[in-house]
Amino acid sequence: MINMLKNKVDFTGVAVLLLAFFVAVGFKAPTMRQQPQWYGVEDTGSTPGNPQNQQIGEALDEEPTGDCNTFPGVICAIELDLDGGTPPSTVHEAQQMGVTTGNSRQRQ
């Protein structure tokens, strides 16, 4: 009888520990990663192509189309992976901050 009770207690203890583990893991807040976002870019310098003169503007609703969808040319949009951070003011600043810069679009 004592042996049977001891086995039941051991099994119950293991079951409680497993349940506590799965509850702790299951209720962990999910970390959602934002998708890269397209931003408008205006090249304000006298020498096109200098990242220090490429001002990052507002976020675009969708991938650029129309005249801002060619290559090569003057940059007009860039895809940034900010992961919830604030957008930098220039492409050069984005590169210095280590922001992942994806595709870019140009216009002629």
PDB file of N, CA and C in Angstrom:
ATOM      1  N   MET A   1       0.817  -1.196   0.000  1.00  0.00           N
ATOM      2  CA  MET A   1       0.000   0.000   0.000  1.00  0.00           C
ATOM      3  C   MET A   1       0.859   1.257   0.000  1.00  0.00           C
ATOM      4  N   ILE A   2       1.896   1.277   0.820  1.00  0.00           N
ATOM      5  CA  ILE A   2       2.779   2.451   0.894  1.00  0.00           C
ATOM      6  C   ILE A   2       3.517   2.629  -0.429  1.00  0.00           C
ATOM      7  N   ASN A   3       3.934   1.521  -1.015  1.00  0.00           N
ATOM      8  CA  ASN A   3       4.626   1.582  -2.299  1.00  0.00           C
ATOM      9  C   ASN A   3       3.719   2.162  -3.380  1.00  0.00           C
ATOM     10  N   MET A   4       2.480   1.774  -3.394  1.00  0.00           N
ATOM     11  CA  MET A   4       1.535   2.264  -4.384  1.00  0.00           C
ATOM     12  C   MET A   4       1.302   3.773  -4.199  1.00  0.00           C
ATOM     13  N   LEU A   5       1.204   4.228  -2.952  1.00  0.00           N
ATOM     14  CA  LEU A   5       1.007   5.639  -2.657  1.00  0.00           C
ATOM     15  C   LEU A   5       2.223   6.450  -3.092  1.00  0.00           C
ATOM     16  N   LYS A   6       3.419   5.909  -2.879  1.00  0.00           N
ATOM     17  CA  LYS A   6       4.651   6.603  -3.261  1.00  0.00           C
ATOM     18  C   LYS A   6       4.724   6.775  -4.773  1.00  0.00           C
ATOM     19  N   ASN A   7       4.382   5.748  -5.547  1.00  0.00           N
ATOM     20  CA  ASN A   7       4.387   5.837  -7.000  1.00  0.00           C
ATOM     21  C   ASN A   7       3.377   6.871  -7.499  1.00  0.00           C
ATOM     22  N   LYS A   8       2.234   6.942  -6.848  1.00  0.00           N
ATOM     23  CA  LYS A   8       1.210   7.908  -7.234  1.00  0.00           C
ATOM     24  C   LYS A   8       1.691   9.329  -6.965  1.00  0.00           C
ATOM     25  N   VAL A   9       2.366   9.567  -5.857  1.00  0.00           N
ATOM     26  CA  VAL A   9       2.885  10.892  -5.514  1.00  0.00           C
ATOM     27  C   VAL A   9       3.961  11.297  -6.514  1.00  0.00           C
ATOM     28  N   ASP A  10       4.847  10.380  -6.873  1.00  0.00           N
ATOM     29  CA  ASP A  10       5.899  10.688  -7.852  1.00  0.00           C
ATOM     30  C   ASP A  10       5.282  11.064  -9.204  1.00  0.00           C
ATOM     31  N   PHE A  11       4.297  10.297  -9.624  1.00  0.00           N
ATOM     32  CA  PHE A  11       3.635  10.574 -10.897  1.00  0.00           C
ATOM     33  C   PHE A  11       2.927  11.928 -10.860  1.00  0.00           C
ATOM     34  N   THR A  12       2.268  12.218  -9.755  1.00  0.00           N
ATOM     35  CA  THR A  12       1.558  13.490  -9.616  1.00  0.00           C
ATOM     36  C   THR A  12       2.541  14.656  -9.622  1.00  0.00           C
ATOM     37  N   GLY A  13       3.663  14.510  -8.959  1.00  0.00           N
ATOM     38  CA  GLY A  13       4.677  15.578  -8.930  1.00  0.00           C
ATOM     39  C   GLY A  13       5.219  15.883 -10.318  1.00  0.00           C
ATOM     40  N   VAL A  14       5.508  14.848 -11.076  1.00  0.00           N
ATOM     41  CA  VAL A  14       5.998  15.023 -12.441  1.00  0.00           C
ATOM     42  C   VAL A  14       4.923  15.678 -13.308  1.00  0.00           C
ATOM     43  N   ALA A  15       3.685  15.242 -13.141  1.00  0.00           N
ATOM     44  CA  ALA A  15       2.586  15.819 -13.918  1.00  0.00           C
ATOM     45  C   ALA A  15       2.404  17.301 -13.606  1.00  0.00           C
ATOM     46  N   VAL A  16       2.526  17.672 -12.346  1.00  0.00           N
ATOM     47  CA  VAL A  16       2.388  19.082 -11.949  1.00  0.00           C
ATOM     48  C   VAL A  16       3.525  19.912 -12.549  1.00  0.00           C
ATOM     49  N   LEU A  17       4.735  19.395 -12.502  1.00  0.00           N
ATOM     50  CA  LEU A  17       5.865  20.118 -13.084  1.00  0.00           C
ATOM     51  C   LEU A  17       5.698  20.304 -14.597  1.00  0.00           C
ATOM     52  N   LEU A  18       5.270  19.262 -15.285  1.00  0.00           N
ATOM     53  CA  LEU A  18       5.044  19.374 -16.727  1.00  0.00           C
ATOM     54  C   LEU A  18       3.934  20.371 -17.037  1.00  0.00           C
ATOM     55  N   LEU A  19       2.883  20.326 -16.270  1.00  0.00           N
ATOM     56  CA  LEU A  19       1.777  21.267 -16.473  1.00  0.00           C
ATOM     57  C   LEU A  19       2.249  22.699 -16.262  1.00  0.00           C
ATOM     58  N   ALA A  20       3.030  22.939 -15.218  1.00  0.00           N
ATOM     59  CA  ALA A  20       3.550  24.286 -14.957  1.00  0.00           C
ATOM     60  C   ALA A  20       4.443  24.743 -16.110  1.00  0.00           C
ATOM     61  N   PHE A  21       5.259  23.863 -16.645  1.00  0.00           N
ATOM     62  CA  PHE A  21       6.131  24.210 -17.770  1.00  0.00           C
ATOM     63  C   PHE A  21       5.319  24.602 -18.998  1.00  0.00           C
ATOM     64  N   PHE A  22       4.332  23.796 -19.360  1.00  0.00           N
ATOM     65  CA  PHE A  22       3.535  24.081 -20.551  1.00  0.00           C
ATOM     66  C   PHE A  22       2.687  25.337 -20.393  1.00  0.00           C
ATOM     67  N   VAL A  23       2.206  25.597 -19.201  1.00  0.00           N
ATOM     68  CA  VAL A  23       1.447  26.829 -18.965  1.00  0.00           C
ATOM     69  C   VAL A  23       2.362  28.031 -19.113  1.00  0.00           C
ATOM     70  N   ALA A  24       3.559  27.963 -18.548  1.00  0.00           N
ATOM     71  CA  ALA A  24       4.496  29.084 -18.637  1.00  0.00           C
ATOM     72  C   ALA A  24       4.904  29.342 -20.082  1.00  0.00           C
ATOM     73  N   VAL A  25       5.162  28.322 -20.844  1.00  0.00           N
ATOM     74  CA  VAL A  25       5.564  28.474 -22.242  1.00  0.00           C
ATOM     75  C   VAL A  25       4.379  28.898 -23.094  1.00  0.00           C
ATOM     76  N   GLY A  26       3.215  28.349 -22.818  1.00  0.00           N
ATOM     77  CA  GLY A  26       2.034  28.637 -23.631  1.00  0.00           C
ATOM     78  C   GLY A  26       1.518  30.052 -23.490  1.00  0.00           C
ATOM     79  N   PHE A  27       1.685  30.661 -22.338  1.00  0.00           N
ATOM     80  CA  PHE A  27       1.170  31.995 -22.120  1.00  0.00           C
ATOM     81  C   PHE A  27       2.213  33.078 -22.321  1.00  0.00           C
ATOM     82  N   LYS A  28       3.348  32.715 -22.823  1.00  0.00           N
ATOM     83  CA  LYS A  28       4.376  33.705 -23.123  1.00  0.00           C
ATOM     84  C   LYS A  28       3.854  34.609 -24.228  1.00  0.00           C
ATOM     85  N   ALA A  29       4.023  35.905 -24.060  1.00  0.00           N
ATOM     86  CA  ALA A  29       3.532  36.854 -25.065  1.00  0.00           C
ATOM     87  C   ALA A  29       4.269  36.623 -26.376  1.00  0.00           C
ATOM     88  N   PRO A  30       3.537  36.482 -27.453  1.00  0.00           N
ATOM     89  CA  PRO A  30       4.203  36.253 -28.738  1.00  0.00           C
ATOM     90  C   PRO A  30       4.955  37.494 -29.184  1.00  0.00           C
ATOM     91  N   THR A  31       6.133  37.271 -29.712  1.00  0.00           N
ATOM     92  CA  THR A  31       6.918  38.390 -30.228  1.00  0.00           C
ATOM     93  C   THR A  31       6.650  38.485 -31.718  1.00  0.00           C
ATOM     94  N   MET A  32       5.936  39.511 -32.083  1.00  0.00           N
ATOM     95  CA  MET A  32       5.582  39.690 -33.492  1.00  0.00           C
ATOM     96  C   MET A  32       6.586  40.626 -34.137  1.00  0.00           C
ATOM     97  N   ARG A  33       7.125  40.201 -35.217  1.00  0.00           N
ATOM     98  CA  ARG A  33       8.093  41.000 -35.955  1.00  0.00           C
ATOM     99  C   ARG A  33       7.370  41.676 -37.104  1.00  0.00           C
ATOM    100  N   GLN A  34       7.583  42.964 -37.213  1.00  0.00           N
ATOM    101  CA  GLN A  34       6.936  43.702 -38.288  1.00  0.00           C
ATOM    102  C   GLN A  34       7.635  43.429 -39.611  1.00  0.00           C
ATOM    103  N   GLN A  35       6.854  43.493 -40.655  1.00  0.00           N
ATOM    104  CA  GLN A  35       7.391  43.309 -41.996  1.00  0.00           C
ATOM    105  C   GLN A  35       8.127  44.581 -42.438  1.00  0.00           C
ATOM    106  N   PRO A  36       9.110  44.440 -43.334  1.00  0.00           N
ATOM    107  CA  PRO A  36       9.763  45.639 -43.869  1.00  0.00           C
ATOM    108  C   PRO A  36       8.731  46.560 -44.520  1.00  0.00           C
ATOM    109  N   GLN A  37       8.972  47.855 -44.431  1.00  0.00           N
ATOM    110  CA  GLN A  37       8.048  48.876 -44.928  1.00  0.00           C
ATOM    111  C   GLN A  37       8.769  49.741 -45.962  1.00  0.00           C
ATOM    112  N   TRP A  38       8.031  50.120 -46.996  1.00  0.00           N
ATOM    113  CA  TRP A  38       8.576  51.019 -48.013  1.00  0.00           C
ATOM    114  C   TRP A  38       8.440  52.465 -47.541  1.00  0.00           C
ATOM    115  N   TYR A  39       9.472  53.265 -47.782  1.00  0.00           N
ATOM    116  CA  TYR A  39       9.490  54.689 -47.449  1.00  0.00           C
ATOM    117  C   TYR A  39       9.894  55.486 -48.681  1.00  0.00           C
ATOM    118  N   GLY A  40       9.273  56.630 -48.832  1.00  0.00           N
ATOM    119  CA  GLY A  40       9.660  57.530 -49.909  1.00  0.00           C
ATOM    120  C   GLY A  40      11.019  58.154 -49.608  1.00  0.00           C
ATOM    121  N   VAL A  41      11.802  58.403 -50.644  1.00  0.00           N
ATOM    122  CA  VAL A  41      13.130  59.004 -50.492  1.00  0.00           C
ATOM    123  C   VAL A  41      13.255  60.147 -51.491  1.00  0.00           C
ATOM    124  N   GLU A  42      13.819  61.255 -51.020  1.00  0.00           N
ATOM    125  CA  GLU A  42      14.097  62.395 -51.898  1.00  0.00           C
ATOM    126  C   GLU A  42      15.584  62.680 -51.845  1.00  0.00           C
ATOM    127  N   ASP A  43      16.210  62.663 -53.017  1.00  0.00           N
ATOM    128  CA  ASP A  43      17.649  62.944 -53.115  1.00  0.00           C
ATOM    129  C   ASP A  43      17.806  64.454 -53.234  1.00  0.00           C
ATOM    130  N   THR A  44      18.266  65.094 -52.153  1.00  0.00           N
ATOM    131  CA  THR A  44      18.323  66.557 -52.097  1.00  0.00           C
ATOM    132  C   THR A  44      19.679  67.142 -52.453  1.00  0.00           C
ATOM    133  N   GLY A  45      20.652  66.319 -52.718  1.00  0.00           N
ATOM    134  CA  GLY A  45      21.998  66.822 -52.968  1.00  0.00           C
ATOM    135  C   GLY A  45      22.256  67.161 -54.424  1.00  0.00           C
ATOM    136  N   SER A  46      23.364  67.861 -54.649  1.00  0.00           N
ATOM    137  CA  SER A  46      23.746  68.211 -56.026  1.00  0.00           C
ATOM    138  C   SER A  46      24.396  67.020 -56.722  1.00  0.00           C
ATOM    139  N   THR A  47      24.844  66.020 -55.939  1.00  0.00           N
ATOM    140  CA  THR A  47      25.428  64.810 -56.500  1.00  0.00           C
ATOM    141  C   THR A  47      24.487  63.650 -56.203  1.00  0.00           C
ATOM    142  N   PRO A  48      23.690  63.230 -57.171  1.00  0.00           N
ATOM    143  CA  PRO A  48      22.753  62.128 -56.929  1.00  0.00           C
ATOM    144  C   PRO A  48      23.488  60.852 -56.516  1.00  0.00           C
ATOM    145  N   GLY A  49      22.888  60.128 -55.591  1.00  0.00           N
ATOM    146  CA  GLY A  49      23.461  58.854 -55.164  1.00  0.00           C
ATOM    147  C   GLY A  49      24.199  58.911 -53.845  1.00  0.00           C
ATOM    148  N   ASN A  50      24.403  60.091 -53.277  1.00  0.00           N
ATOM    149  CA  ASN A  50      25.087  60.209 -51.999  1.00  0.00           C
ATOM    150  C   ASN A  50      24.086  59.921 -50.882  1.00  0.00           C
ATOM    151  N   PRO A  51      24.277  58.844 -50.109  1.00  0.00           N
ATOM    152  CA  PRO A  51      23.315  58.476 -49.069  1.00  0.00           C
ATOM    153  C   PRO A  51      23.069  59.571 -48.024  1.00  0.00           C
ATOM    154  N   GLN A  52      24.039  60.466 -47.813  1.00  0.00           N
ATOM    155  CA  GLN A  52      23.859  61.547 -46.841  1.00  0.00           C
ATOM    156  C   GLN A  52      22.815  62.555 -47.316  1.00  0.00           C
ATOM    157  N   ASN A  53      22.575  62.633 -48.625  1.00  0.00           N
ATOM    158  CA  ASN A  53      21.606  63.570 -49.182  1.00  0.00           C
ATOM    159  C   ASN A  53      20.269  62.917 -49.503  1.00  0.00           C
ATOM    160  N   GLN A  54      20.120  61.642 -49.205  1.00  0.00           N
ATOM    161  CA  GLN A  54      18.887  60.920 -49.518  1.00  0.00           C
ATOM    162  C   GLN A  54      17.975  60.949 -48.291  1.00  0.00           C
ATOM    163  N   GLN A  55      17.044  61.898 -48.277  1.00  0.00           N
ATOM    164  CA  GLN A  55      16.124  62.111 -47.158  1.00  0.00           C
ATOM    165  C   GLN A  55      15.001  61.076 -47.184  1.00  0.00           C
ATOM    166  N   ILE A  56      14.805  60.381 -46.071  1.00  0.00           N
ATOM    167  CA  ILE A  56      13.734  59.392 -45.969  1.00  0.00           C
ATOM    168  C   ILE A  56      12.467  60.117 -45.537  1.00  0.00           C
ATOM    169  N   GLY A  57      11.393  59.885 -46.279  1.00  0.00           N
ATOM    170  CA  GLY A  57      10.120  60.548 -46.000  1.00  0.00           C
ATOM    171  C   GLY A  57       9.127  59.632 -45.317  1.00  0.00           C
ATOM    172  N   GLU A  58       7.884  59.807 -45.682  1.00  0.00           N
ATOM    173  CA  GLU A  58       6.780  59.059 -45.081  1.00  0.00           C
ATOM    174  C   GLU A  58       6.743  57.616 -45.570  1.00  0.00           C
ATOM    175  N   ALA A  59       6.123  56.772 -44.763  1.00  0.00           N
ATOM    176  CA  ALA A  59       5.909  55.377 -45.147  1.00  0.00           C
ATOM    177  C   ALA A  59       4.905  55.313 -46.288  1.00  0.00           C
ATOM    178  N   LEU A  60       5.146  54.418 -47.231  1.00  0.00           N
ATOM    179  CA  LEU A  60       4.249  54.240 -48.368  1.00  0.00           C
ATOM    180  C   LEU A  60       3.256  53.123 -48.051  1.00  0.00           C
ATOM    181  N   ASP A  61       2.063  53.228 -48.612  1.00  0.00           N
ATOM    182  CA  ASP A  61       1.032  52.215 -48.366  1.00  0.00           C
ATOM    183  C   ASP A  61       1.333  50.893 -49.055  1.00  0.00           C
ATOM    184  N   GLU A  62       2.071  50.954 -50.153  1.00  0.00           N
ATOM    185  CA  GLU A  62       2.366  49.745 -50.912  1.00  0.00           C
ATOM    186  C   GLU A  62       3.703  49.902 -51.629  1.00  0.00           C
ATOM    187  N   GLU A  63       4.129  48.851 -52.282  1.00  0.00           N
ATOM    188  CA  GLU A  63       5.378  48.883 -53.034  1.00  0.00           C
ATOM    189  C   GLU A  63       5.268  49.916 -54.147  1.00  0.00           C
ATOM    190  N   PRO A  64       6.329  50.697 -54.373  1.00  0.00           N
ATOM    191  CA  PRO A  64       6.273  51.749 -55.391  1.00  0.00           C
ATOM    192  C   PRO A  64       5.993  51.208 -56.790  1.00  0.00           C
ATOM    193  N   THR A  65       5.239  51.969 -57.542  1.00  0.00           N
ATOM    194  CA  THR A  65       4.929  51.619 -58.930  1.00  0.00           C
ATOM    195  C   THR A  65       5.057  52.881 -59.773  1.00  0.00           C
ATOM    196  N   GLY A  66       4.740  52.764 -61.028  1.00  0.00           N
ATOM    197  CA  GLY A  66       4.764  53.920 -61.922  1.00  0.00           C
ATOM    198  C   GLY A  66       6.176  54.386 -62.207  1.00  0.00           C
ATOM    199  N   ASP A  67       6.383  55.714 -62.145  1.00  0.00           N
ATOM    200  CA  ASP A  67       7.696  56.263 -62.487  1.00  0.00           C
ATOM    201  C   ASP A  67       8.746  55.993 -61.403  1.00  0.00           C
ATOM    202  N   CYS A  68       8.334  55.538 -60.232  1.00  0.00           N
ATOM    203  CA  CYS A  68       9.278  55.197 -59.160  1.00  0.00           C
ATOM    204  C   CYS A  68       9.460  53.686 -59.109  1.00  0.00           C
ATOM    205  N   ASN A  69       9.763  53.099 -60.257  1.00  0.00           N
ATOM    206  CA  ASN A  69       9.910  51.652 -60.299  1.00  0.00           C
ATOM    207  C   ASN A  69      10.907  51.242 -61.376  1.00  0.00           C
ATOM    208  N   THR A  70      11.938  52.041 -61.544  1.00  0.00           N
ATOM    209  CA  THR A  70      12.925  51.742 -62.579  1.00  0.00           C
ATOM    210  C   THR A  70      14.307  51.568 -61.970  1.00  0.00           C
ATOM    211  N   PHE A  71      15.224  51.136 -62.801  1.00  0.00           N
ATOM    212  CA  PHE A  71      16.613  50.993 -62.386  1.00  0.00           C
ATOM    213  C   PHE A  71      17.469  51.090 -63.642  1.00  0.00           C
ATOM    214  N   PRO A  72      18.520  51.789 -63.716  1.00  0.00           N
ATOM    215  CA  PRO A  72      19.075  52.691 -62.705  1.00  0.00           C
ATOM    216  C   PRO A  72      18.415  54.065 -62.783  1.00  0.00           C
ATOM    217  N   GLY A  73      18.738  54.883 -61.841  1.00  0.00           N
ATOM    218  CA  GLY A  73      18.210  56.238 -61.778  1.00  0.00           C
ATOM    219  C   GLY A  73      18.449  56.831 -60.407  1.00  0.00           C
ATOM    220  N   VAL A  74      17.675  57.850 -60.061  1.00  0.00           N
ATOM    221  CA  VAL A  74      17.787  58.524 -58.770  1.00  0.00           C
ATOM    222  C   VAL A  74      16.819  57.842 -57.804  1.00  0.00           C
ATOM    223  N   ILE A  75      17.295  57.498 -56.630  1.00  0.00           N
ATOM    224  CA  ILE A  75      16.482  56.769 -55.662  1.00  0.00           C
ATOM    225  C   ILE A  75      15.231  57.571 -55.299  1.00  0.00           C
ATOM    226  N   CYS A  76      14.097  56.869 -55.211  1.00  0.00           N
ATOM    227  CA  CYS A  76      12.838  57.518 -54.838  1.00  0.00           C
ATOM    228  C   CYS A  76      12.096  56.751 -53.747  1.00  0.00           C
ATOM    229  N   ALA A  77      12.518  55.525 -53.446  1.00  0.00           N
ATOM    230  CA  ALA A  77      11.892  54.739 -52.376  1.00  0.00           C
ATOM    231  C   ALA A  77      12.874  53.678 -51.901  1.00  0.00           C
ATOM    232  N   ILE A  78      12.735  53.316 -50.622  1.00  0.00           N
ATOM    233  CA  ILE A  78      13.595  52.293 -50.038  1.00  0.00           C
ATOM    234  C   ILE A  78      12.775  51.456 -49.066  1.00  0.00           C
ATOM    235  N   GLU A  79      13.134  50.195 -48.973  1.00  0.00           N
ATOM    236  CA  GLU A  79      12.465  49.277 -48.056  1.00  0.00           C
ATOM    237  C   GLU A  79      13.331  49.147 -46.799  1.00  0.00           C
ATOM    238  N   LEU A  80      12.750  49.468 -45.634  1.00  0.00           N
ATOM    239  CA  LEU A  80      13.483  49.424 -44.369  1.00  0.00           C
ATOM    240  C   LEU A  80      12.839  48.424 -43.423  1.00  0.00           C
ATOM    241  N   ASP A  81      13.669  47.675 -42.717  1.00  0.00           N
ATOM    242  CA  ASP A  81      13.205  46.752 -41.690  1.00  0.00           C
ATOM    243  C   ASP A  81      13.539  47.379 -40.340  1.00  0.00           C
ATOM    244  N   LEU A  82      12.603  48.166 -39.805  1.00  0.00           N
ATOM    245  CA  LEU A  82      12.837  48.905 -38.568  1.00  0.00           C
ATOM    246  C   LEU A  82      12.470  48.111 -37.323  1.00  0.00           C
ATOM    247  N   ASP A  83      11.690  47.069 -37.472  1.00  0.00           N
ATOM    248  CA  ASP A  83      11.234  46.236 -36.354  1.00  0.00           C
ATOM    249  C   ASP A  83      10.644  47.088 -35.233  1.00  0.00           C
ATOM    250  N   GLY A  84       9.763  48.001 -35.603  1.00  0.00           N
ATOM    251  CA  GLY A  84       9.057  48.821 -34.625  1.00  0.00           C
ATOM    252  C   GLY A  84       9.757  50.107 -34.246  1.00  0.00           C
ATOM    253  N   GLY A  85      10.967  50.325 -34.726  1.00  0.00           N
ATOM    254  CA  GLY A  85      11.699  51.547 -34.404  1.00  0.00           C
ATOM    255  C   GLY A  85      11.250  52.723 -35.262  1.00  0.00           C
ATOM    256  N   THR A  86      11.783  53.870 -34.978  1.00  0.00           N
ATOM    257  CA  THR A  86      11.453  55.062 -35.758  1.00  0.00           C
ATOM    258  C   THR A  86      12.371  55.141 -36.970  1.00  0.00           C
ATOM    259  N   PRO A  87      11.853  55.638 -38.085  1.00  0.00           N
ATOM    260  CA  PRO A  87      12.683  55.713 -39.286  1.00  0.00           C
ATOM    261  C   PRO A  87      13.765  56.779 -39.160  1.00  0.00           C
ATOM    262  N   PRO A  88      14.951  56.493 -39.651  1.00  0.00           N
ATOM    263  CA  PRO A  88      16.015  57.488 -39.645  1.00  0.00           C
ATOM    264  C   PRO A  88      15.705  58.589 -40.658  1.00  0.00           C
ATOM    265  N   SER A  89      16.458  59.693 -40.599  1.00  0.00           N
ATOM    266  CA  SER A  89      16.168  60.817 -41.488  1.00  0.00           C
ATOM    267  C   SER A  89      16.815  60.674 -42.866  1.00  0.00           C
ATOM    268  N   THR A  90      17.927  59.954 -42.956  1.00  0.00           N
ATOM    269  CA  THR A  90      18.595  59.759 -44.252  1.00  0.00           C
ATOM    270  C   THR A  90      18.982  58.298 -44.432  1.00  0.00           C
ATOM    271  N   VAL A  91      19.272  57.929 -45.662  1.00  0.00           N
ATOM    272  CA  VAL A  91      19.727  56.569 -45.957  1.00  0.00           C
ATOM    273  C   VAL A  91      21.070  56.325 -45.277  1.00  0.00           C
ATOM    274  N   HIS A  92      21.929  57.339 -45.245  1.00  0.00           N
ATOM    275  CA  HIS A  92      23.229  57.222 -44.578  1.00  0.00           C
ATOM    276  C   HIS A  92      23.042  56.919 -43.090  1.00  0.00           C
ATOM    277  N   GLU A  93      22.111  57.627 -42.443  1.00  0.00           N
ATOM    278  CA  GLU A  93      21.831  57.390 -41.024  1.00  0.00           C
ATOM    279  C   GLU A  93      21.310  55.974 -40.804  1.00  0.00           C
ATOM    280  N   ALA A  94      20.480  55.479 -41.706  1.00  0.00           N
ATOM    281  CA  ALA A  94      19.964  54.112 -41.604  1.00  0.00           C
ATOM    282  C   ALA A  94      21.115  53.112 -41.665  1.00  0.00           C
ATOM    283  N   GLN A  95      22.053  53.356 -42.555  1.00  0.00           N
ATOM    284  CA  GLN A  95      23.199  52.464 -42.676  1.00  0.00           C
ATOM    285  C   GLN A  95      24.069  52.521 -41.420  1.00  0.00           C
ATOM    286  N   GLN A  96      24.244  53.718 -40.854  1.00  0.00           N
ATOM    287  CA  GLN A  96      25.051  53.875 -39.641  1.00  0.00           C
ATOM    288  C   GLN A  96      24.400  53.216 -38.434  1.00  0.00           C
ATOM    289  N   MET A  97      23.058  53.245 -38.379  1.00  0.00           N
ATOM    290  CA  MET A  97      22.317  52.654 -37.260  1.00  0.00           C
ATOM    291  C   MET A  97      22.224  51.138 -37.375  1.00  0.00           C
ATOM    292  N   GLY A  98      22.589  50.587 -38.515  1.00  0.00           N
ATOM    293  CA  GLY A  98      22.496  49.153 -38.716  1.00  0.00           C
ATOM    294  C   GLY A  98      21.106  48.695 -39.114  1.00  0.00           C
ATOM    295  N   VAL A  99      20.266  49.631 -39.573  1.00  0.00           N
ATOM    296  CA  VAL A  99      18.929  49.276 -40.030  1.00  0.00           C
ATOM    297  C   VAL A  99      19.056  48.467 -41.316  1.00  0.00           C
ATOM    298  N   THR A 100      18.324  47.378 -41.393  1.00  0.00           N
ATOM    299  CA  THR A 100      18.368  46.559 -42.596  1.00  0.00           C
ATOM    300  C   THR A 100      17.654  47.293 -43.710  1.00  0.00           C
ATOM    301  N   THR A 101      18.404  47.638 -44.738  1.00  0.00           N
ATOM    302  CA  THR A 101      17.824  48.277 -45.913  1.00  0.00           C
ATOM    303  C   THR A 101      17.657  47.227 -46.976  1.00  0.00           C
ATOM    304  N   GLY A 102      16.446  47.084 -47.451  1.00  0.00           N
ATOM    305  CA  GLY A 102      16.166  46.068 -48.459  1.00  0.00           C
ATOM    306  C   GLY A 102      16.271  46.646 -49.852  1.00  0.00           C
ATOM    307  N   ASN A 103      15.245  46.399 -50.631  1.00  0.00           N
ATOM    308  CA  ASN A 103      15.211  46.874 -52.001  1.00  0.00           C
ATOM    309  C   ASN A 103      15.064  48.383 -52.041  1.00  0.00           C
ATOM    310  N   SER A 104      15.450  48.952 -53.164  1.00  0.00           N
ATOM    311  CA  SER A 104      15.195  50.370 -53.404  1.00  0.00           C
ATOM    312  C   SER A 104      14.673  50.529 -54.823  1.00  0.00           C
ATOM    313  N   ARG A 105      13.981  51.615 -55.063  1.00  0.00           N
ATOM    314  CA  ARG A 105      13.446  51.915 -56.385  1.00  0.00           C
ATOM    315  C   ARG A 105      13.967  53.275 -56.825  1.00  0.00           C
ATOM    316  N   GLN A 106      14.148  53.404 -58.122  1.00  0.00           N
ATOM    317  CA  GLN A 106      14.656  54.645 -58.692  1.00  0.00           C
ATOM    318  C   GLN A 106      13.711  55.175 -59.753  1.00  0.00           C
ATOM    319  N   ARG A 107      13.886  56.441 -60.056  1.00  0.00           N
ATOM    320  CA  ARG A 107      13.174  57.035 -61.184  1.00  0.00           C
ATOM    321  C   ARG A 107      14.217  57.748 -62.043  1.00  0.00           C
ATOM    322  N   GLN A 108      13.906  57.844 -63.316  1.00  0.00           N
ATOM    323  CA  GLN A 108      14.862  58.501 -64.229  1.00  0.00           C
ATOM    324  C   GLN A 108      14.455  59.907 -64.537  1.00  0.00           C
TER     325      GLN A 108
END
